[in-house]
């Protein structure tokens, strides 16, 4: 029996923040927008609490893949 691969999206779990990251909250999942230029700068493009996307240091986050169905249930635009 062949297993269908479940479609997934990448989310970022915030594990650190500083005084300049007021729209981030530790222990919160955020949508990630793929951005090769940001990755070259060791950053991630994140949709933060403001609803806008911004660059943040990649080391503020742990990336995880989650099923699209779950992502939609928690408000991920994916």
PDB file of N, CA and C in Angstrom:
ATOM      1  N   UNK A   1       0.841  -1.162   0.000  1.00  0.00           N
ATOM      2  CA  UNK A   1       0.000   0.000   0.000  1.00  0.00           C
ATOM      3  C   UNK A   1       0.902   1.246   0.000  1.00  0.00           C
ATOM      4  N   UNK A   2       0.629   2.154  -0.896  1.00  0.00           N
ATOM      5  CA  UNK A   2       1.408   3.381  -1.008  1.00  0.00           C
ATOM      6  C   UNK A   2       0.822   4.453  -0.094  1.00  0.00           C
ATOM      7  N   UNK A   3       1.694   5.093   0.682  1.00  0.00           N
ATOM      8  CA  UNK A   3       1.241   6.173   1.563  1.00  0.00           C
ATOM      9  C   UNK A   3       1.305   7.489   0.821  1.00  0.00           C
ATOM     10  N   UNK A   4       0.243   8.243   0.921  1.00  0.00           N
ATOM     11  CA  UNK A   4       0.233   9.582   0.351  1.00  0.00           C
ATOM     12  C   UNK A   4       1.013  10.507   1.253  1.00  0.00           C
ATOM     13  N   UNK A   5       1.863  11.308   0.654  1.00  0.00           N
ATOM     14  CA  UNK A   5       2.611  12.280   1.444  1.00  0.00           C
ATOM     15  C   UNK A   5       1.684  13.419   1.828  1.00  0.00           C
ATOM     16  N   UNK A   6       1.669  13.702   3.105  1.00  0.00           N
ATOM     17  CA  UNK A   6       0.830  14.784   3.596  1.00  0.00           C
ATOM     18  C   UNK A   6       1.487  16.122   3.262  1.00  0.00           C
ATOM     19  N   UNK A   7       0.703  17.056   2.769  1.00  0.00           N
ATOM     20  CA  UNK A   7       1.224  18.386   2.458  1.00  0.00           C
ATOM     21  C   UNK A   7       1.500  19.127   3.751  1.00  0.00           C
ATOM     22  N   UNK A   8       2.650  19.793   3.795  1.00  0.00           N
ATOM     23  CA  UNK A   8       3.056  20.502   4.999  1.00  0.00           C
ATOM     24  C   UNK A   8       3.500  21.928   4.671  1.00  0.00           C
ATOM     25  N   UNK A   9       3.589  22.744   5.703  1.00  0.00           N
ATOM     26  CA  UNK A   9       4.134  24.095   5.595  1.00  0.00           C
ATOM     27  C   UNK A   9       5.155  24.264   6.713  1.00  0.00           C
ATOM     28  N   UNK A  10       6.025  25.236   6.539  1.00  0.00           N
ATOM     29  CA  UNK A  10       7.013  25.533   7.570  1.00  0.00           C
ATOM     30  C   UNK A  10       6.486  26.627   8.484  1.00  0.00           C
ATOM     31  N   UNK A  11       6.616  26.395   9.774  1.00  0.00           N
ATOM     32  CA  UNK A  11       6.303  27.409  10.771  1.00  0.00           C
ATOM     33  C   UNK A  11       7.552  27.622  11.618  1.00  0.00           C
ATOM     34  N   UNK A  12       7.606  28.772  12.275  1.00  0.00           N
ATOM     35  CA  UNK A  12       8.745  29.106  13.121  1.00  0.00           C
ATOM     36  C   UNK A  12       8.263  29.254  14.561  1.00  0.00           C
ATOM     37  N   UNK A  13       8.862  28.490  15.450  1.00  0.00           N
ATOM     38  CA  UNK A  13       8.576  28.617  16.868  1.00  0.00           C
ATOM     39  C   UNK A  13       9.554  29.628  17.434  1.00  0.00           C
ATOM     40  N   UNK A  14       9.046  30.724  17.967  1.00  0.00           N
ATOM     41  CA  UNK A  14       9.901  31.767  18.536  1.00  0.00           C
ATOM     42  C   UNK A  14      10.480  31.265  19.855  1.00  0.00           C
ATOM     43  N   UNK A  15      11.813  31.270  19.961  1.00  0.00           N
ATOM     44  CA  UNK A  15      12.484  30.819  21.180  1.00  0.00           C
ATOM     45  C   UNK A  15      13.286  31.941  21.840  1.00  0.00           C
ATOM     46  N   UNK A  16      13.342  33.108  21.194  1.00  0.00           N
ATOM     47  CA  UNK A  16      14.064  34.255  21.752  1.00  0.00           C
ATOM     48  C   UNK A  16      13.535  35.530  21.111  1.00  0.00           C
ATOM     49  N   UNK A  17      13.670  36.614  21.823  1.00  0.00           N
ATOM     50  CA  UNK A  17      13.286  37.926  21.302  1.00  0.00           C
ATOM     51  C   UNK A  17      14.076  38.961  22.095  1.00  0.00           C
ATOM     52  N   UNK A  18      14.163  40.160  21.534  1.00  0.00           N
ATOM     53  CA  UNK A  18      14.847  41.232  22.248  1.00  0.00           C
ATOM     54  C   UNK A  18      13.962  42.474  22.279  1.00  0.00           C
ATOM     55  N   UNK A  19      14.493  43.572  22.775  1.00  0.00           N
ATOM     56  CA  UNK A  19      13.704  44.800  22.905  1.00  0.00           C
ATOM     57  C   UNK A  19      13.217  45.347  21.567  1.00  0.00           C
ATOM     58  N   UNK A  20      13.895  45.002  20.481  1.00  0.00           N
ATOM     59  CA  UNK A  20      13.534  45.497  19.155  1.00  0.00           C
ATOM     60  C   UNK A  20      12.547  44.582  18.434  1.00  0.00           C
ATOM     61  N   UNK A  21      12.099  43.540  19.084  1.00  0.00           N
ATOM     62  CA  UNK A  21      11.186  42.598  18.433  1.00  0.00           C
ATOM     63  C   UNK A  21       9.845  42.576  19.164  1.00  0.00           C
ATOM     64  N   UNK A  22       9.246  43.733  19.314  1.00  0.00           N
ATOM     65  CA  UNK A  22       8.008  43.893  20.065  1.00  0.00           C
ATOM     66  C   UNK A  22       6.821  43.120  19.531  1.00  0.00           C
ATOM     67  N   UNK A  23       6.839  42.759  18.247  1.00  0.00           N
ATOM     68  CA  UNK A  23       5.714  42.020  17.670  1.00  0.00           C
ATOM     69  C   UNK A  23       5.977  40.525  17.607  1.00  0.00           C
ATOM     70  N   UNK A  24       6.941  40.055  18.393  1.00  0.00           N
ATOM     71  CA  UNK A  24       7.211  38.622  18.545  1.00  0.00           C
ATOM     72  C   UNK A  24       6.978  38.224  19.995  1.00  0.00           C
ATOM     73  N   UNK A  25       6.508  37.009  20.177  1.00  0.00           N
ATOM     74  CA  UNK A  25       6.318  36.483  21.521  1.00  0.00           C
ATOM     75  C   UNK A  25       6.943  35.095  21.594  1.00  0.00           C
ATOM     76  N   UNK A  26       7.770  34.887  22.606  1.00  0.00           N
ATOM     77  CA  UNK A  26       8.404  33.588  22.805  1.00  0.00           C
ATOM     78  C   UNK A  26       7.321  32.529  22.989  1.00  0.00           C
ATOM     79  N   UNK A  27       7.578  31.339  22.467  1.00  0.00           N
ATOM     80  CA  UNK A  27       6.684  30.174  22.535  1.00  0.00           C
ATOM     81  C   UNK A  27       5.465  30.308  21.632  1.00  0.00           C
ATOM     82  N   UNK A  28       5.557  31.157  20.608  1.00  0.00           N
ATOM     83  CA  UNK A  28       4.472  31.343  19.651  1.00  0.00           C
ATOM     84  C   UNK A  28       4.922  30.865  18.274  1.00  0.00           C
ATOM     85  N   UNK A  29       4.007  30.236  17.533  1.00  0.00           N
ATOM     86  CA  UNK A  29       4.287  29.797  16.164  1.00  0.00           C
ATOM     87  C   UNK A  29       3.963  30.916  15.189  1.00  0.00           C
ATOM     88  N   UNK A  30       4.875  31.110  14.229  1.00  0.00           N
ATOM     89  CA  UNK A  30       4.681  32.141  13.211  1.00  0.00           C
ATOM     90  C   UNK A  30       4.839  31.561  11.813  1.00  0.00           C
ATOM     91  N   UNK A  31       4.057  32.048  10.855  1.00  0.00           N
ATOM     92  CA  UNK A  31       4.238  31.651   9.463  1.00  0.00           C
ATOM     93  C   UNK A  31       5.584  32.162   8.934  1.00  0.00           C
ATOM     94  N   UNK A  32       6.186  31.369   8.072  1.00  0.00           N
ATOM     95  CA  UNK A  32       7.452  31.722   7.430  1.00  0.00           C
ATOM     96  C   UNK A  32       7.193  31.931   5.947  1.00  0.00           C
ATOM     97  N   UNK A  33       7.743  33.007   5.410  1.00  0.00           N
ATOM     98  CA  UNK A  33       7.676  33.256   3.976  1.00  0.00           C
ATOM     99  C   UNK A  33       9.061  32.956   3.407  1.00  0.00           C
ATOM    100  N   UNK A  34       9.155  32.012   2.467  1.00  0.00           N
ATOM    101  CA  UNK A  34      10.468  31.705   1.891  1.00  0.00           C
ATOM    102  C   UNK A  34      11.111  32.956   1.296  1.00  0.00           C
ATOM    103  N   UNK A  35      12.389  33.174   1.623  1.00  0.00           N
ATOM    104  CA  UNK A  35      13.103  34.351   1.149  1.00  0.00           C
ATOM    105  C   UNK A  35      14.598  34.028   1.109  1.00  0.00           C
ATOM    106  N   UNK A  36      15.103  33.743  -0.080  1.00  0.00           N
ATOM    107  CA  UNK A  36      16.511  33.357  -0.227  1.00  0.00           C
ATOM    108  C   UNK A  36      17.460  34.479   0.168  1.00  0.00           C
ATOM    109  N   UNK A  37      17.103  35.725  -0.138  1.00  0.00           N
ATOM    110  CA  UNK A  37      17.960  36.852   0.235  1.00  0.00           C
ATOM    111  C   UNK A  37      18.048  36.995   1.757  1.00  0.00           C
ATOM    112  N   UNK A  38      16.934  36.787   2.439  1.00  0.00           N
ATOM    113  CA  UNK A  38      16.941  36.852   3.901  1.00  0.00           C
ATOM    114  C   UNK A  38      17.822  35.746   4.472  1.00  0.00           C
ATOM    115  N   UNK A  39      17.737  34.552   3.899  1.00  0.00           N
ATOM    116  CA  UNK A  39      18.536  33.428   4.381  1.00  0.00           C
ATOM    117  C   UNK A  39      20.033  33.709   4.252  1.00  0.00           C
ATOM    118  N   UNK A  40      20.419  34.410   3.193  1.00  0.00           N
ATOM    119  CA  UNK A  40      21.832  34.769   3.029  1.00  0.00           C
ATOM    120  C   UNK A  40      22.306  35.675   4.153  1.00  0.00           C
ATOM    121  N   UNK A  41      21.385  36.425   4.746  1.00  0.00           N
ATOM    122  CA  UNK A  41      21.701  37.333   5.855  1.00  0.00           C
ATOM    123  C   UNK A  41      21.460  36.663   7.211  1.00  0.00           C
ATOM    124  N   UNK A  42      21.200  35.330   7.183  1.00  0.00           N
ATOM    125  CA  UNK A  42      20.888  34.554   8.385  1.00  0.00           C
ATOM    126  C   UNK A  42      19.645  35.087   9.087  1.00  0.00           C
ATOM    127  N   UNK A  43      18.648  35.443   8.264  1.00  0.00           N
ATOM    128  CA  UNK A  43      17.366  35.934   8.766  1.00  0.00           C
ATOM    129  C   UNK A  43      16.233  35.091   8.201  1.00  0.00           C
ATOM    130  N   UNK A  44      15.070  35.238   8.810  1.00  0.00           N
ATOM    131  CA  UNK A  44      13.837  34.624   8.315  1.00  0.00           C
ATOM    132  C   UNK A  44      12.820  35.726   8.099  1.00  0.00           C
ATOM    133  N   UNK A  45      11.998  35.565   7.059  1.00  0.00           N
ATOM    134  CA  UNK A  45      10.880  36.484   6.841  1.00  0.00           C
ATOM    135  C   UNK A  45       9.673  35.861   7.540  1.00  0.00           C
ATOM    136  N   UNK A  46       9.210  36.547   8.589  1.00  0.00           N
ATOM    137  CA  UNK A  46       8.169  36.043   9.475  1.00  0.00           C
ATOM    138  C   UNK A  46       6.964  36.965   9.416  1.00  0.00           C
ATOM    139  N   UNK A  47       5.762  36.396   9.428  1.00  0.00           N
ATOM    140  CA  UNK A  47       4.547  37.200   9.621  1.00  0.00           C
ATOM    141  C   UNK A  47       4.343  37.262  11.129  1.00  0.00           C
ATOM    142  N   UNK A  48       4.584  38.434  11.686  1.00  0.00           N
ATOM    143  CA  UNK A  48       4.543  38.574  13.143  1.00  0.00           C
ATOM    144  C   UNK A  48       3.151  38.971  13.625  1.00  0.00           C
ATOM    145  N   UNK A  49       3.060  39.369  14.899  1.00  0.00           N
ATOM    146  CA  UNK A  49       1.765  39.701  15.516  1.00  0.00           C
ATOM    147  C   UNK A  49       1.071  40.884  14.851  1.00  0.00           C
ATOM    148  N   UNK A  50       1.833  41.726  14.152  1.00  0.00           N
ATOM    149  CA  UNK A  50       1.229  42.879  13.474  1.00  0.00           C
ATOM    150  C   UNK A  50       0.474  42.458  12.215  1.00  0.00           C
ATOM    151  N   UNK A  51       0.722  41.214  11.765  1.00  0.00           N
ATOM    152  CA  UNK A  51       0.101  40.729  10.540  1.00  0.00           C
ATOM    153  C   UNK A  51       0.922  41.038   9.301  1.00  0.00           C
ATOM    154  N   UNK A  52       2.041  41.727   9.486  1.00  0.00           N
ATOM    155  CA  UNK A  52       2.945  42.068   8.383  1.00  0.00           C
ATOM    156  C   UNK A  52       4.162  41.162   8.432  1.00  0.00           C
ATOM    157  N   UNK A  53       4.869  41.066   7.296  1.00  0.00           N
ATOM    158  CA  UNK A  53       6.083  40.247   7.290  1.00  0.00           C
ATOM    159  C   UNK A  53       7.316  41.128   7.455  1.00  0.00           C
ATOM    160  N   UNK A  54       8.218  40.650   8.293  1.00  0.00           N
ATOM    161  CA  UNK A  54       9.467  41.353   8.587  1.00  0.00           C
ATOM    162  C   UNK A  54      10.597  40.342   8.690  1.00  0.00           C
ATOM    163  N   UNK A  55      11.817  40.840   8.557  1.00  0.00           N
ATOM    164  CA  UNK A  55      12.990  39.999   8.745  1.00  0.00           C
ATOM    165  C   UNK A  55      13.375  39.980  10.222  1.00  0.00           C
ATOM    166  N   UNK A  56      13.657  38.783  10.709  1.00  0.00           N
ATOM    167  CA  UNK A  56      14.141  38.595  12.075  1.00  0.00           C
ATOM    168  C   UNK A  56      15.326  37.647  12.031  1.00  0.00           C
ATOM    169  N   UNK A  57      16.225  37.751  13.010  1.00  0.00           N
ATOM    170  CA  UNK A  57      17.355  36.815  13.059  1.00  0.00           C
ATOM    171  C   UNK A  57      16.861  35.367  13.120  1.00  0.00           C
ATOM    172  N   UNK A  58      17.455  34.524  12.309  1.00  0.00           N
ATOM    173  CA  UNK A  58      17.034  33.120  12.252  1.00  0.00           C
ATOM    174  C   UNK A  58      17.203  32.416  13.587  1.00  0.00           C
ATOM    175  N   UNK A  59      18.189  32.851  14.382  1.00  0.00           N
ATOM    176  CA  UNK A  59      18.417  32.160  15.654  1.00  0.00           C
ATOM    177  C   UNK A  59      17.362  32.489  16.716  1.00  0.00           C
ATOM    178  N   UNK A  60      16.393  33.323  16.400  1.00  0.00           N
ATOM    179  CA  UNK A  60      15.249  33.554  17.286  1.00  0.00           C
ATOM    180  C   UNK A  60      14.215  32.427  17.179  1.00  0.00           C
ATOM    181  N   UNK A  61      14.391  31.526  16.212  1.00  0.00           N
ATOM    182  CA  UNK A  61      13.351  30.554  15.885  1.00  0.00           C
ATOM    183  C   UNK A  61      13.888  29.134  15.730  1.00  0.00           C
ATOM    184  N   UNK A  62      12.980  28.188  15.926  1.00  0.00           N
ATOM    185  CA  UNK A  62      13.191  26.793  15.565  1.00  0.00           C
ATOM    186  C   UNK A  62      12.143  26.493  14.503  1.00  0.00           C
ATOM    187  N   UNK A  63      12.597  25.991  13.352  1.00  0.00           N
ATOM    188  CA  UNK A  63      11.666  25.713  12.248  1.00  0.00           C
ATOM    189  C   UNK A  63      11.107  24.306  12.359  1.00  0.00           C
ATOM    190  N   UNK A  64       9.849  24.174  12.017  1.00  0.00           N
ATOM    191  CA  UNK A  64       9.172  22.876  12.003  1.00  0.00           C
ATOM    192  C   UNK A  64       8.228  22.817  10.818  1.00  0.00           C
ATOM    193  N   UNK A  65       8.032  21.615  10.292  1.00  0.00           N
ATOM    194  CA  UNK A  65       7.042  21.371   9.244  1.00  0.00           C
ATOM    195  C   UNK A  65       5.810  20.803   9.933  1.00  0.00           C
ATOM    196  N   UNK A  66       4.645  21.358   9.611  1.00  0.00           N
ATOM    197  CA  UNK A  66       3.399  20.842  10.162  1.00  0.00           C
ATOM    198  C   UNK A  66       2.408  20.651   9.015  1.00  0.00           C
ATOM    199  N   UNK A  67       1.449  19.743   9.198  1.00  0.00           N
ATOM    200  CA  UNK A  67       0.441  19.525   8.153  1.00  0.00           C
ATOM    201  C   UNK A  67      -0.334  20.809   7.858  1.00  0.00           C
ATOM    202  N   UNK A  68      -0.654  21.006   6.584  1.00  0.00           N
ATOM    203  CA  UNK A  68      -1.405  22.200   6.179  1.00  0.00           C
ATOM    204  C   UNK A  68      -2.734  22.294   6.922  1.00  0.00           C
ATOM    205  N   UNK A  69      -3.398  21.177   7.105  1.00  0.00           N
ATOM    206  CA  UNK A  69      -4.689  21.199   7.810  1.00  0.00           C
ATOM    207  C   UNK A  69      -4.533  21.763   9.212  1.00  0.00           C
ATOM    208  N   UNK A  70      -3.484  21.387   9.913  1.00  0.00           N
ATOM    209  CA  UNK A  70      -3.231  21.914  11.251  1.00  0.00           C
ATOM    210  C   UNK A  70      -2.873  23.394  11.169  1.00  0.00           C
ATOM    211  N   UNK A  71      -2.048  23.761  10.214  1.00  0.00           N
ATOM    212  CA  UNK A  71      -1.639  25.153  10.056  1.00  0.00           C
ATOM    213  C   UNK A  71      -2.851  26.054   9.866  1.00  0.00           C
ATOM    214  N   UNK A  72      -3.792  25.631   9.080  1.00  0.00           N
ATOM    215  CA  UNK A  72      -4.999  26.439   8.850  1.00  0.00           C
ATOM    216  C   UNK A  72      -5.830  26.568  10.115  1.00  0.00           C
ATOM    217  N   UNK A  73      -5.855  25.502  10.917  1.00  0.00           N
ATOM    218  CA  UNK A  73      -6.625  25.539  12.168  1.00  0.00           C
ATOM    219  C   UNK A  73      -6.049  26.539  13.156  1.00  0.00           C
ATOM    220  N   UNK A  74      -4.731  26.791  13.070  1.00  0.00           N
ATOM    221  CA  UNK A  74      -4.119  27.740  14.008  1.00  0.00           C
ATOM    222  C   UNK A  74      -3.920  29.108  13.359  1.00  0.00           C
ATOM    223  N   UNK A  75      -4.520  29.322  12.184  1.00  0.00           N
ATOM    224  CA  UNK A  75      -4.513  30.633  11.562  1.00  0.00           C
ATOM    225  C   UNK A  75      -3.367  30.911  10.608  1.00  0.00           C
ATOM    226  N   UNK A  76      -2.609  29.898  10.235  1.00  0.00           N
ATOM    227  CA  UNK A  76      -1.515  30.054   9.272  1.00  0.00           C
ATOM    228  C   UNK A  76      -2.120  30.270   7.888  1.00  0.00           C
ATOM    229  N   UNK A  77      -1.593  31.216   7.120  1.00  0.00           N
ATOM    230  CA  UNK A  77      -2.170  31.475   5.796  1.00  0.00           C
ATOM    231  C   UNK A  77      -1.880  30.392   4.772  1.00  0.00           C
ATOM    232  N   UNK A  78      -0.978  29.448   5.114  1.00  0.00           N
ATOM    233  CA  UNK A  78      -0.535  28.415   4.175  1.00  0.00           C
ATOM    234  C   UNK A  78      -1.629  27.634   3.605  1.00  0.00           C
TER     235      UNK A  78
END
